[in-house]
C-alpha atoms as a PDB file:
ATOM      1  CA  MET A   1      61.638 119.526  63.326  1.00  0.00           C
ATOM      2  CA  LEU A   2      60.111 122.875  64.197  1.00  0.00           C
ATOM      3  CA  ARG A   3      57.201 123.420  66.608  1.00  0.00           C
ATOM      4  CA  VAL A   4      55.485 126.701  67.475  1.00  0.00           C
ATOM      5  CA  TYR A   5      53.190 127.348  70.454  1.00  0.00           C
ATOM      6  CA  SER A   6      51.364 130.586  71.211  1.00  0.00           C
ATOM      7  CA  LYS A   7      48.945 131.799  73.848  1.00  0.00           C
ATOM      8  CA  LYS A   8      45.631 132.868  72.302  1.00  0.00           C
ATOM      9  CA  ARG A   9      42.482 133.731  74.252  1.00  0.00           C
ATOM     10  CA  GLY A  10      43.878 132.254  77.443  1.00  0.00           C
ATOM     11  CA  LYS A  11      44.866 128.952  75.835  1.00  0.00           C
ATOM     12  CA  ILE A  12      48.185 127.626  74.568  1.00  0.00           C
ATOM     13  CA  VAL A  13      47.752 126.307  71.043  1.00  0.00           C
ATOM     14  CA  PRO A  14      50.083 125.105  68.260  1.00  0.00           C
ATOM     15  CA  GLY A  15      50.822 127.679  65.603  1.00  0.00           C
ATOM     16  CA  MET A  16      52.975 128.568  62.632  1.00  0.00           C
ATOM     17  CA  LEU A  17      56.178 130.542  62.441  1.00  0.00           C
ATOM     18  CA  ARG A  18      54.499 133.242  60.363  1.00  0.00           C
ATOM     19  CA  ASP A  19      51.875 133.753  63.099  1.00  0.00           C
ATOM     20  CA  ILE A  20      54.406 134.931  65.704  1.00  0.00           C
ATOM     21  CA  SER A  21      53.377 138.254  67.208  1.00  0.00           C
ATOM     22  CA  ALA A  22      55.245 140.711  69.422  1.00  0.00           C
ATOM     23  CA  ALA A  23      52.075 141.207  71.472  1.00  0.00           C
ATOM     24  CA  ARG A  24      52.185 137.750  73.061  1.00  0.00           C
ATOM     25  CA  VAL A  25      54.556 135.061  74.248  1.00  0.00           C
ATOM     26  CA  ASP A  26      55.535 132.559  71.556  1.00  0.00           C
ATOM     27  CA  TRP A  27      57.680 129.464  71.889  1.00  0.00           C
ATOM     28  CA  ILE A  28      59.555 128.067  68.916  1.00  0.00           C
ATOM     29  CA  ASP A  29      61.136 124.669  69.538  1.00  0.00           C
ATOM     30  CA  CYS A  30      63.680 123.373  67.024  1.00  0.00           C
ATOM     31  CA  LEU A  31      64.806 119.752  67.217  1.00  0.00           C
ATOM     32  CA  SER A  32      67.694 119.076  64.822  1.00  0.00           C
ATOM     33  CA  PRO A  33      66.537 121.827  62.426  1.00  0.00           C
ATOM     34  CA  THR A  34      67.354 121.550  58.741  1.00  0.00           C
ATOM     35  CA  LEU A  35      69.458 124.170  56.970  1.00  0.00           C
ATOM     36  CA  LYS A  36      66.313 125.798  55.592  1.00  0.00           C
ATOM     37  CA  GLU A  37      64.771 125.980  59.066  1.00  0.00           C
ATOM     38  CA  GLN A  38      68.006 127.443  60.443  1.00  0.00           C
ATOM     39  CA  GLU A  39      67.947 130.157  57.775  1.00  0.00           C
ATOM     40  CA  THR A  40      64.317 130.972  58.597  1.00  0.00           C
ATOM     41  CA  ILE A  41      65.095 131.218  62.308  1.00  0.00           C
ATOM     42  CA  SER A  42      68.155 133.347  61.618  1.00  0.00           C
ATOM     43  CA  LYS A  43      66.123 135.880  59.626  1.00  0.00           C
ATOM     44  CA  ARG A  44      63.222 135.908  62.064  1.00  0.00           C
ATOM     45  CA  PHE A  45      65.266 136.374  65.250  1.00  0.00           C
ATOM     46  CA  GLY A  46      68.290 138.165  63.839  1.00  0.00           C
ATOM     47  CA  ILE A  47      70.672 135.457  65.043  1.00  0.00           C
ATOM     48  CA  PRO A  48      73.716 134.848  62.809  1.00  0.00           C
ATOM     49  CA  LEU A  49      73.418 131.555  60.963  1.00  0.00           C
ATOM     50  CA  ALA A  50      76.996 130.651  61.878  1.00  0.00           C
ATOM     51  CA  ASP A  51      76.141 130.955  65.583  1.00  0.00           C
ATOM     52  CA  ILE A  52      73.124 128.668  65.218  1.00  0.00           C
ATOM     53  CA  ASP A  53      75.186 126.078  63.362  1.00  0.00           C
ATOM     54  CA  LYS A  54      77.951 126.303  65.978  1.00  0.00           C
ATOM     55  CA  LEU A  55      75.547 125.863  68.879  1.00  0.00           C
ATOM     56  CA  LEU A  56      73.976 122.813  67.259  1.00  0.00           C
ATOM     57  CA  ARG A  57      77.143 121.077  66.112  1.00  0.00           C
ATOM     58  CA  LYS A  58      79.577 121.654  68.953  1.00  0.00           C
ATOM     59  CA  GLU A  59      79.519 120.226  72.486  1.00  0.00           C
ATOM     60  CA  ILE A  60      79.428 123.568  74.251  1.00  0.00           C
ATOM     61  CA  ARG A  61      79.650 124.296  77.945  1.00  0.00           C
ATOM     62  CA  PRO A  62      76.779 125.927  79.865  1.00  0.00           C
ATOM     63  CA  HIS A  63      76.994 129.701  79.736  1.00  0.00           C
ATOM     64  CA  VAL A  64      74.902 132.866  79.373  1.00  0.00           C
ATOM     65  CA  TYR A  65      75.154 135.519  76.678  1.00  0.00           C
ATOM     66  CA  SER A  66      73.334 138.808  77.326  1.00  0.00           C
ATOM     67  CA  GLY A  67      72.482 141.254  74.546  1.00  0.00           C
ATOM     68  CA  ARG A  68      70.069 144.065  73.784  1.00  0.00           C
ATOM     69  CA  ARG A  69      68.090 142.307  71.065  1.00  0.00           C
ATOM     70  CA  PHE A  70      68.286 138.817  72.519  1.00  0.00           C
ATOM     71  CA  SER A  71      70.006 136.742  75.189  1.00  0.00           C
ATOM     72  CA  ALA A  72      71.195 133.146  74.900  1.00  0.00           C
ATOM     73  CA  ILE A  73      71.230 130.565  77.677  1.00  0.00           C
ATOM     74  CA  VAL A  74      73.078 127.278  77.200  1.00  0.00           C
ATOM     75  CA  LEU A  75      71.889 124.547  79.570  1.00  0.00           C
ATOM     76  CA  VAL A  76      72.430 120.808  79.842  1.00  0.00           C
ATOM     77  CA  ALA A  77      69.497 118.384  79.906  1.00  0.00           C
ATOM     78  CA  PRO A  78      69.273 114.587  80.319  1.00  0.00           C
ATOM     79  CA  TYR A  79      67.989 112.126  77.752  1.00  0.00           C
ATOM     80  CA  HIS A  80      67.891 108.345  77.412  1.00  0.00           C
ATOM     81  CA  SER A  81      70.252 106.669  74.978  1.00  0.00           C
ATOM     82  CA  LEU A  82      68.410 103.966  73.026  1.00  0.00           C
ATOM     83  CA  LYS A  83      71.646 102.069  72.287  1.00  0.00           C
ATOM     84  CA  SER A  84      73.220 101.861  75.735  1.00  0.00           C
ATOM     85  CA  LYS A  85      69.986 102.437  77.736  1.00  0.00           C
ATOM     86  CA  ALA A  86      71.959 104.857  79.867  1.00  0.00           C
ATOM     87  CA  ILE A  87      71.336 108.435  80.905  1.00  0.00           C
ATOM     88  CA  LYS A  88      73.249 110.907  78.786  1.00  0.00           C
ATOM     89  CA  LYS A  89      73.431 114.678  78.464  1.00  0.00           C
ATOM     90  CA  ALA A  90      73.103 117.122  75.606  1.00  0.00           C
ATOM     91  CA  PRO A  91      73.181 120.921  75.336  1.00  0.00           C
ATOM     92  CA  LEU A  92      69.966 122.918  75.224  1.00  0.00           C
ATOM     93  CA  VAL A  93      70.143 126.470  73.855  1.00  0.00           C
ATOM     94  CA  ILE A  94      67.428 128.979  74.804  1.00  0.00           C
ATOM     95  CA  PHE A  95      67.090 132.361  73.100  1.00  0.00           C
ATOM     96  CA  VAL A  96      64.906 135.103  74.578  1.00  0.00           C
ATOM     97  CA  ASN A  97      64.340 138.300  72.596  1.00  0.00           C
ATOM     98  CA  SER A  98      62.768 141.644  73.418  1.00  0.00           C
ATOM     99  CA  ASP A  99      59.497 140.628  71.682  1.00  0.00           C
ATOM    100  CA  LYS A 100      58.811 137.974  74.365  1.00  0.00           C
ATOM    101  CA  ASP A 101      59.661 135.181  71.942  1.00  0.00           C
ATOM    102  CA  ILE A 102      61.409 132.058  73.228  1.00  0.00           C
ATOM    103  CA  LEU A 103      63.496 129.893  70.905  1.00  0.00           C
ATOM    104  CA  THR A 104      64.908 126.527  71.960  1.00  0.00           C
ATOM    105  CA  LEU A 105      67.530 124.675  69.915  1.00  0.00           C
ATOM    106  CA  HIS A 106      68.645 121.103  70.585  1.00  0.00           C
ATOM    107  CA  ASN A 107      69.726 117.951  68.759  1.00  0.00           C
ATOM    108  CA  LYS A 108      68.315 115.403  71.213  1.00  0.00           C
ATOM    109  CA  PRO A 109      64.676 114.854  72.258  1.00  0.00           C
ATOM    110  CA  PHE A 110      64.196 115.880  75.881  1.00  0.00           C
ATOM    111  CA  GLU A 111      61.405 114.508  78.046  1.00  0.00           C
ATOM    112  CA  ALA A 112      61.181 117.879  79.796  1.00  0.00           C
ATOM    113  CA  PHE A 113      59.570 119.402  76.696  1.00  0.00           C
ATOM    114  CA  ASP A 114      56.993 116.630  76.378  1.00  0.00           C
ATOM    115  CA  GLU A 115      56.048 116.960  80.042  1.00  0.00           C
ATOM    116  CA  LEU A 116      55.802 120.732  79.711  1.00  0.00           C
ATOM    117  CA  ILE A 117      53.516 120.474  76.672  1.00  0.00           C
ATOM    118  CA  LYS A 118      51.202 118.131  78.594  1.00  0.00           C
ATOM    119  CA  ASP A 119      50.693 120.881  81.186  1.00  0.00           C
ATOM    120  CA  PHE A 120      49.729 123.543  78.638  1.00  0.00           C
ATOM    121  CA  GLU A 121      46.001 122.822  78.810  1.00  0.00           C
ATOM    122  CA  SER A 122      45.741 122.768  82.609  1.00  0.00           C
ATOM    123  CA  ARG A 123      48.310 125.503  83.274  1.00  0.00           C
ATOM    124  CA  PRO A 124      48.154 128.276  80.670  1.00  0.00           C
ATOM    125  CA  GLU A 125      49.993 130.593  83.085  1.00  0.00           C
ATOM    126  CA  ILE A 126      53.198 128.915  81.885  1.00  0.00           C
ATOM    127  CA  PHE A 127      53.109 131.410  78.991  1.00  0.00           C
ATOM    128  CA  ARG A 128      52.603 134.428  81.243  1.00  0.00           C
ATOM    129  CA  ASN A 129      56.019 135.757  80.257  1.00  0.00           C
ATOM    130  CA  PRO A 130      59.454 134.414  79.236  1.00  0.00           C
ATOM    131  CA  THR A 131      60.585 134.400  82.881  1.00  0.00           C
ATOM    132  CA  LYS A 132      57.751 132.084  83.919  1.00  0.00           C
ATOM    133  CA  PHE A 133      58.328 129.800  80.927  1.00  0.00           C
ATOM    134  CA  LEU A 134      62.051 129.554  81.635  1.00  0.00           C
ATOM    135  CA  TYR A 135      61.352 128.796  85.299  1.00  0.00           C
ATOM    136  CA  GLU A 136      58.900 126.012  84.411  1.00  0.00           C
ATOM    137  CA  LEU A 137      61.309 124.518  81.870  1.00  0.00           C
ATOM    138  CA  LEU A 138      64.194 124.450  84.351  1.00  0.00           C
ATOM    139  CA  ASP A 139      61.911 123.047  87.024  1.00  0.00           C
ATOM    140  CA  GLN A 140      60.850 120.257  84.659  1.00  0.00           C
ATOM    141  CA  ILE A 141      64.498 119.432  83.933  1.00  0.00           C
ATOM    142  CA  ASN A 142      65.074 119.175  87.691  1.00  0.00           C
ATOM    143  CA  GLN A 143      62.035 116.920  88.018  1.00  0.00           C
ATOM    144  CA  ASN A 144      63.383 114.646  85.299  1.00  0.00           C
ATOM    145  CA  CYS A 145      66.721 114.441  87.108  1.00  0.00           C
ATOM    146  CA  TYR A 146      64.875 113.553  90.306  1.00  0.00           C
ATOM    147  CA  ILE A 147      62.936 110.779  88.534  1.00  0.00           C
ATOM    148  CA  LEU A 148      66.149 109.422  87.018  1.00  0.00           C
ATOM    149  CA  LEU A 149      67.767 109.326  90.463  1.00  0.00           C
ATOM    150  CA  GLU A 150      64.709 107.555  91.865  1.00  0.00           C
ATOM    151  CA  ASN A 151      65.119 104.883  89.190  1.00  0.00           C
ATOM    152  CA  VAL A 152      68.782 104.445  90.116  1.00  0.00           C
ATOM    153  CA  GLU A 153      68.033 103.640  93.774  1.00  0.00           C
ATOM    154  CA  PRO A 154      66.296 100.235  93.233  1.00  0.00           C
ATOM    155  CA  GLN A 155      69.022  99.230  90.786  1.00  0.00           C
ATOM    156  CA  LEU A 156      71.618  99.911  93.467  1.00  0.00           C
ATOM    157  CA  ASP A 157      69.626  97.793  95.938  1.00  0.00           C
ATOM    158  CA  VAL A 158      69.572  94.884  93.480  1.00  0.00           C
ATOM    159  CA  LEU A 159      73.315  95.128  92.818  1.00  0.00           C
ATOM    160  CA  GLU A 160      74.051  95.291  96.536  1.00  0.00           C
ATOM    161  CA  ALA A 161      71.951  92.192  97.223  1.00  0.00           C
ATOM    162  CA  VAL A 162      73.590  90.267  94.382  1.00  0.00           C
ATOM    163  CA  VAL A 163      77.090  91.136  95.607  1.00  0.00           C
ATOM    164  CA  PHE A 164      76.339  89.762  99.072  1.00  0.00           C
ATOM    165  CA  LYS A 165      74.547  86.668  97.746  1.00  0.00           C
ATOM    166  CA  ASN A 166      76.646  85.573  94.779  1.00  0.00           C
ATOM    167  CA  HIS A 167      79.014  88.001  93.130  1.00  0.00           C
ATOM    168  CA  GLN A 168      79.347  85.748  90.076  1.00  0.00           C
ATOM    169  CA  ASP A 169      75.805  86.721  89.040  1.00  0.00           C
ATOM    170  CA  ILE A 170      76.653  90.427  88.948  1.00  0.00           C
ATOM    171  CA  SER A 171      77.255  92.259  85.691  1.00  0.00           C
ATOM    172  CA  THR A 172      80.143  94.706  85.646  1.00  0.00           C
ATOM    173  CA  ARG A 173      78.555  96.265  82.580  1.00  0.00           C
ATOM    174  CA  GLU A 174      75.547  97.207  84.721  1.00  0.00           C
ATOM    175  CA  ILE A 175      77.800  98.809  87.336  1.00  0.00           C
ATOM    176  CA  PHE A 176      79.641 100.903  84.771  1.00  0.00           C
ATOM    177  CA  ARG A 177      76.370 101.857  83.056  1.00  0.00           C
ATOM    178  CA  LEU A 178      75.033 103.249  86.325  1.00  0.00           C
ATOM    179  CA  ARG A 179      78.347 104.913  87.039  1.00  0.00           C
ATOM    180  CA  LYS A 180      78.293 106.673  83.673  1.00  0.00           C
ATOM    181  CA  SER A 181      74.680 107.758  84.207  1.00  0.00           C
ATOM    182  CA  LEU A 182      75.582 109.283  87.572  1.00  0.00           C
ATOM    183  CA  MET A 183      78.563 111.003  85.977  1.00  0.00           C
ATOM    184  CA  TYR A 184      76.329 112.627  83.348  1.00  0.00           C
ATOM    185  CA  LEU A 185      73.837 113.676  86.021  1.00  0.00           C
ATOM    186  CA  HIS A 186      76.680 115.289  87.939  1.00  0.00           C
ATOM    187  CA  LYS A 187      77.687 117.325  84.890  1.00  0.00           C
ATOM    188  CA  ILE A 188      74.063 118.338  84.280  1.00  0.00           C
ATOM    189  CA  LEU A 189      73.482 119.502  87.841  1.00  0.00           C
ATOM    190  CA  ILE A 190      76.797 121.327  88.215  1.00  0.00           C
ATOM    191  CA  GLY A 191      76.413 123.109  84.864  1.00  0.00           C
ATOM    192  CA  ASN A 192      72.791 124.142  85.406  1.00  0.00           C
ATOM    193  CA  ARG A 193      73.492 125.258  88.966  1.00  0.00           C
ATOM    194  CA  GLU A 194      75.793 128.017  87.751  1.00  0.00           C
ATOM    195  CA  ILE A 195      73.329 129.077  85.051  1.00  0.00           C
ATOM    196  CA  VAL A 196      70.445 129.352  87.531  1.00  0.00           C
ATOM    197  CA  ASN A 197      72.673 131.377  89.819  1.00  0.00           C
ATOM    198  CA  MET A 198      73.490 133.794  86.979  1.00  0.00           C
ATOM    199  CA  ILE A 199      69.814 134.119  86.012  1.00  0.00           C
ATOM    200  CA  GLU A 200      68.875 134.911  89.601  1.00  0.00           C
ATOM    201  CA  LYS A 201      71.458 137.718  89.658  1.00  0.00           C
ATOM    202  CA  GLY A 202      69.641 139.458  86.783  1.00  0.00           C
ATOM    203  CA  THR A 203      72.198 138.996  84.004  1.00  0.00           C
ATOM    204  CA  ILE A 204      69.455 138.575  81.364  1.00  0.00           C
ATOM    205  CA  PRO A 205      67.678 141.894  80.620  1.00  0.00           C
ATOM    206  CA  GLN A 206      64.739 140.240  78.805  1.00  0.00           C
ATOM    207  CA  LEU A 207      63.544 138.561  82.024  1.00  0.00           C
ATOM    208  CA  SER A 208      61.300 140.099  84.669  1.00  0.00           C
ATOM    209  CA  LYS A 209      63.446 141.081  87.651  1.00  0.00           C
ATOM    210  CA  SER A 210      60.490 140.858  90.037  1.00  0.00           C
ATOM    211  CA  GLU A 211      60.260 137.090  89.443  1.00  0.00           C
ATOM    212  CA  LEU A 212      63.949 136.224  89.587  1.00  0.00           C
ATOM    213  CA  LEU A 213      63.783 135.354  93.292  1.00  0.00           C
ATOM    214  CA  ASP A 214      61.788 132.246  92.338  1.00  0.00           C
ATOM    215  CA  PHE A 215      64.921 130.832  90.738  1.00  0.00           C
ATOM    216  CA  ARG A 216      66.418 130.459  94.226  1.00  0.00           C
ATOM    217  CA  HIS A 217      64.065 127.480  94.690  1.00  0.00           C
ATOM    218  CA  LEU A 218      65.506 125.901  91.552  1.00  0.00           C
ATOM    219  CA  TYR A 219      69.020 126.510  92.842  1.00  0.00           C
ATOM    220  CA  ASN A 220      68.205 124.789  96.151  1.00  0.00           C
ATOM    221  CA  ASP A 221      66.604 121.869  94.295  1.00  0.00           C
ATOM    222  CA  ILE A 222      69.762 121.405  92.244  1.00  0.00           C
ATOM    223  CA  ILE A 223      71.876 121.418  95.418  1.00  0.00           C
ATOM    224  CA  ASN A 224      69.658 118.704  96.945  1.00  0.00           C
ATOM    225  CA  LEU A 225      69.760 116.639  93.754  1.00  0.00           C
ATOM    226  CA  ALA A 226      73.551 116.915  93.670  1.00  0.00           C
ATOM    227  CA  ASP A 227      73.730 115.643  97.268  1.00  0.00           C
ATOM    228  CA  VAL A 228      71.532 112.638  96.422  1.00  0.00           C
ATOM    229  CA  ARG A 229      73.606 111.944  93.334  1.00  0.00           C
ATOM    230  CA  ASP A 230      76.833 112.045  95.394  1.00  0.00           C
ATOM    231  CA  THR A 231      75.316 109.602  97.905  1.00  0.00           C
ATOM    232  CA  TYR A 232      74.376 107.148  95.153  1.00  0.00           C
ATOM    233  CA  HIS A 233      77.835 107.495  93.631  1.00  0.00           C
ATOM    234  CA  ASP A 234      79.425 106.584  96.980  1.00  0.00           C
ATOM    235  CA  ILE A 235      77.117 103.566  97.304  1.00  0.00           C
ATOM    236  CA  LEU A 236      77.992 102.417  93.785  1.00  0.00           C
ATOM    237  CA  SER A 237      81.705 102.815  94.535  1.00  0.00           C
ATOM    238  CA  SER A 238      81.270 100.683  97.672  1.00  0.00           C
ATOM    239  CA  ILE A 239      79.464  98.015  95.645  1.00  0.00           C
ATOM    240  CA  MET A 240      82.314  97.998  93.132  1.00  0.00           C
ATOM    241  CA  GLU A 241      84.885  97.670  95.918  1.00  0.00           C
ATOM    242  CA  MET A 242      82.957  94.790  97.502  1.00  0.00           C
ATOM    243  CA  TYR A 243      82.694  93.080  94.123  1.00  0.00           C
ATOM    244  CA  LEU A 244      86.429  93.376  93.445  1.00  0.00           C
ATOM    245  CA  SER A 245      87.202  92.194  96.981  1.00  0.00           C
ATOM    246  CA  GLN A 246      85.045  89.094  96.537  1.00  0.00           C
ATOM    247  CA  VAL A 247      86.604  88.381  93.154  1.00  0.00           C
ATOM    248  CA  SER A 248      90.037  88.567  94.795  1.00  0.00           C
ATOM    249  CA  ASN A 249      88.897  86.240  97.593  1.00  0.00           C
ATOM    250  CA  SER A 250      87.502  83.781  95.071  1.00  0.00           C
ATOM    251  CA  LEU A 251      90.798  83.810  93.213  1.00  0.00           C
ATOM    252  CA  ASN A 252      92.641  83.061  96.450  1.00  0.00           C
ATOM    253  CA  ILE A 253      90.304  80.143  97.160  1.00  0.00           C
ATOM    254  CA  ILE A 254      90.875  78.759  93.669  1.00  0.00           C
ATOM    255  CA  MET A 255      94.642  79.027  94.080  1.00  0.00           C
ATOM    256  CA  LYS A 256      94.483  77.238  97.441  1.00  0.00           C
ATOM    257  CA  ARG A 257      92.443  74.427  95.919  1.00  0.00           C
ATOM    258  CA  LEU A 258      94.874  74.080  93.035  1.00  0.00           C
ATOM    259  CA  THR A 259      97.746  73.991  95.528  1.00  0.00           C
ATOM    260  CA  ALA A 260      95.984  71.321  97.567  1.00  0.00           C
ATOM    261  CA  TRP A 261      95.283  69.114  94.558  1.00  0.00           C
ATOM    262  CA  GLY A 262      98.829  69.617  93.302  1.00  0.00           C
ATOM    263  CA  SER A 263     100.194  68.535  96.680  1.00  0.00           C
ATOM    264  CA  LEU A 264      98.056  65.380  96.623  1.00  0.00           C
ATOM    265  CA  ILE A 265      99.570  64.451  93.288  1.00  0.00           C
ATOM    266  CA  LEU A 266     103.089  65.532  94.219  1.00  0.00           C
ATOM    267  CA  ILE A 267     103.643  63.084  97.110  1.00  0.00           C
ATOM    268  CA  PRO A 268     102.748  59.882  95.178  1.00  0.00           C
ATOM    269  CA  THR A 269     104.821  61.152  92.254  1.00  0.00           C
ATOM    270  CA  LEU A 270     107.785  61.685  94.581  1.00  0.00           C
ATOM    271  CA  ILE A 271     107.462  58.183  96.060  1.00  0.00           C
ATOM    272  CA  ALA A 272     107.134  56.583  92.638  1.00  0.00           C
ATOM    273  CA  SER A 273     110.128  58.484  91.311  1.00  0.00           C
ATOM    274  CA  ILE A 274     112.292  57.407  94.266  1.00  0.00           C
ATOM    275  CA  TYR A 275     111.437  53.755  93.660  1.00  0.00           C
ATOM    276  CA  GLY A 276     112.148  54.237  89.982  1.00  0.00           C
ATOM    277  CA  MET A 277     115.671  55.592  90.568  1.00  0.00           C
ATOM    278  CA  ASN A 278     117.315  52.222  91.315  1.00  0.00           C
ATOM    279  CA  PHE A 279     119.694  50.135  89.305  1.00  0.00           C
ATOM    280  CA  LYS A 280     119.888  46.394  89.048  1.00  0.00           C
ATOM    281  CA  ILE A 281     123.472  46.272  90.277  1.00  0.00           C
ATOM    282  CA  SER A 282     124.043  48.767  93.055  1.00  0.00           C
ATOM    283  CA  ALA A 283     125.099  48.610  96.700  1.00  0.00           C
ATOM    284  CA  PHE A 284     122.686  51.420  97.433  1.00  0.00           C
ATOM    285  CA  ASN A 285     119.504  49.743  96.229  1.00  0.00           C
ATOM    286  CA  MET A 286     116.657  49.783  98.725  1.00  0.00           C
ATOM    287  CA  PRO A 287     116.324  46.405 100.484  1.00  0.00           C
ATOM    288  CA  GLU A 288     112.544  46.422 100.131  1.00  0.00           C
ATOM    289  CA  LEU A 289     112.891  46.178  96.366  1.00  0.00           C
ATOM    290  CA  HIS A 290     113.237  42.391  96.798  1.00  0.00           C
ATOM    291  CA  TRP A 291     110.539  42.251  99.454  1.00  0.00           C
ATOM    292  CA  LYS A 292     107.430  40.453  98.241  1.00  0.00           C
ATOM    293  CA  TYR A 293     105.211  43.110  99.816  1.00  0.00           C
ATOM    294  CA  GLY A 294     107.296  46.038  98.549  1.00  0.00           C
ATOM    295  CA  TYR A 295     104.853  46.983  95.785  1.00  0.00           C
ATOM    296  CA  LEU A 296     101.873  46.942  98.136  1.00  0.00           C
ATOM    297  CA  PHE A 297     103.895  48.876 100.706  1.00  0.00           C
ATOM    298  CA  SER A 298     104.642  51.678  98.205  1.00  0.00           C
ATOM    299  CA  LEU A 299     100.976  51.892  97.188  1.00  0.00           C
ATOM    300  CA  GLY A 300      99.929  51.987 100.827  1.00  0.00           C
ATOM    301  CA  LEU A 301     102.489  54.708 101.562  1.00  0.00           C
ATOM    302  CA  MET A 302     101.052  56.770  98.718  1.00  0.00           C
ATOM    303  CA  ALA A 303      97.478  56.277  99.949  1.00  0.00           C
ATOM    304  CA  VAL A 304      98.359  57.185 103.547  1.00  0.00           C
ATOM    305  CA  SER A 305     100.280  60.318 102.491  1.00  0.00           C
ATOM    306  CA  VAL A 306      97.410  61.451 100.264  1.00  0.00           C
ATOM    307  CA  ALA A 307      94.887  60.805 103.049  1.00  0.00           C
ATOM    308  CA  LEU A 308      96.957  62.777 105.573  1.00  0.00           C
ATOM    309  CA  LEU A 309      97.330  65.707 103.179  1.00  0.00           C
ATOM    310  CA  ALA A 310      93.616  65.646 102.346  1.00  0.00           C
ATOM    311  CA  TYR A 311      92.773  65.667 106.057  1.00  0.00           C
ATOM    312  CA  TYR A 312      95.134  68.594 106.641  1.00  0.00           C
ATOM    313  CA  PHE A 313      93.725  70.676 103.781  1.00  0.00           C
ATOM    314  CA  LYS A 314      90.188  69.868 104.887  1.00  0.00           C
ATOM    315  CA  ARG A 315      90.977  71.204 108.360  1.00  0.00           C
ATOM    316  CA  LYS A 316      92.306  74.384 106.741  1.00  0.00           C
ATOM    317  CA  ASN A 317      89.143  74.727 104.578  1.00  0.00           C
ATOM    318  CA  TRP A 318      91.159  74.561 101.393  1.00  0.00           C
ATOM    319  CA  PHE A 319      88.661  72.154  99.885  1.00  0.00           C
END
């Protein structure tokens, strides 16, 4: 899908690729472009088709390429996975040429673009120049990361409460889903932090150097977001440790109960087996075998031994 936006008469309006002019700022957004769209973009911007295909197909690391005709910025942005309902990351490639055109290539739909488009009507200054547009886009990505972290906090509170109340109601899948989301956020923040730092140093000639100091605010925001993310990761690790500790304690309790019940059965079995190991003709037969109360005595001995063991295990809280 290919979208074009241009600033005309002080307003940002949708346009067509053929309407792009060097006299104004134009934004061309390509979401999973077809081969025909890739060829059109390649001819229009002078970008080799092989490079476009490589950037779209391969999981590339964040980096900056600076050139005379155009510069390329590879960022990482978050998106929601519909299958796992987790936060994931995907590369976002931004091209800026000398004609003030901005080209974005990506294979996943990013909420940052939708939020940016909503602000076009009320904030046309977004298209003042490529530097301003890039700043607003990066700021929106940071805002999305902040919102995602805000959504993680109540989920951590729920997991923490469940662990203390009844760990059997907790879902390990939920813990690992949050852990993976925080891992992706960490990769997003660390990758974009280095890119923002490089932009601020003036490595991209197509950007206005007088406005590069504004990117220091983005850098500080990323540092703060990374600190919050690290805090949530530590909390989640503590929840996981508490959960595993309670599972281990529950297993110990179960083993103690099994031991207690096994002991209750063992004593009567031992008594019955001793009385069963006698022969009709033997000098070592027990004298109580011919006692008329011998049977009742053996049953009573079993009952008393079981009662004493039950009392002992009850005192030890094994039941």
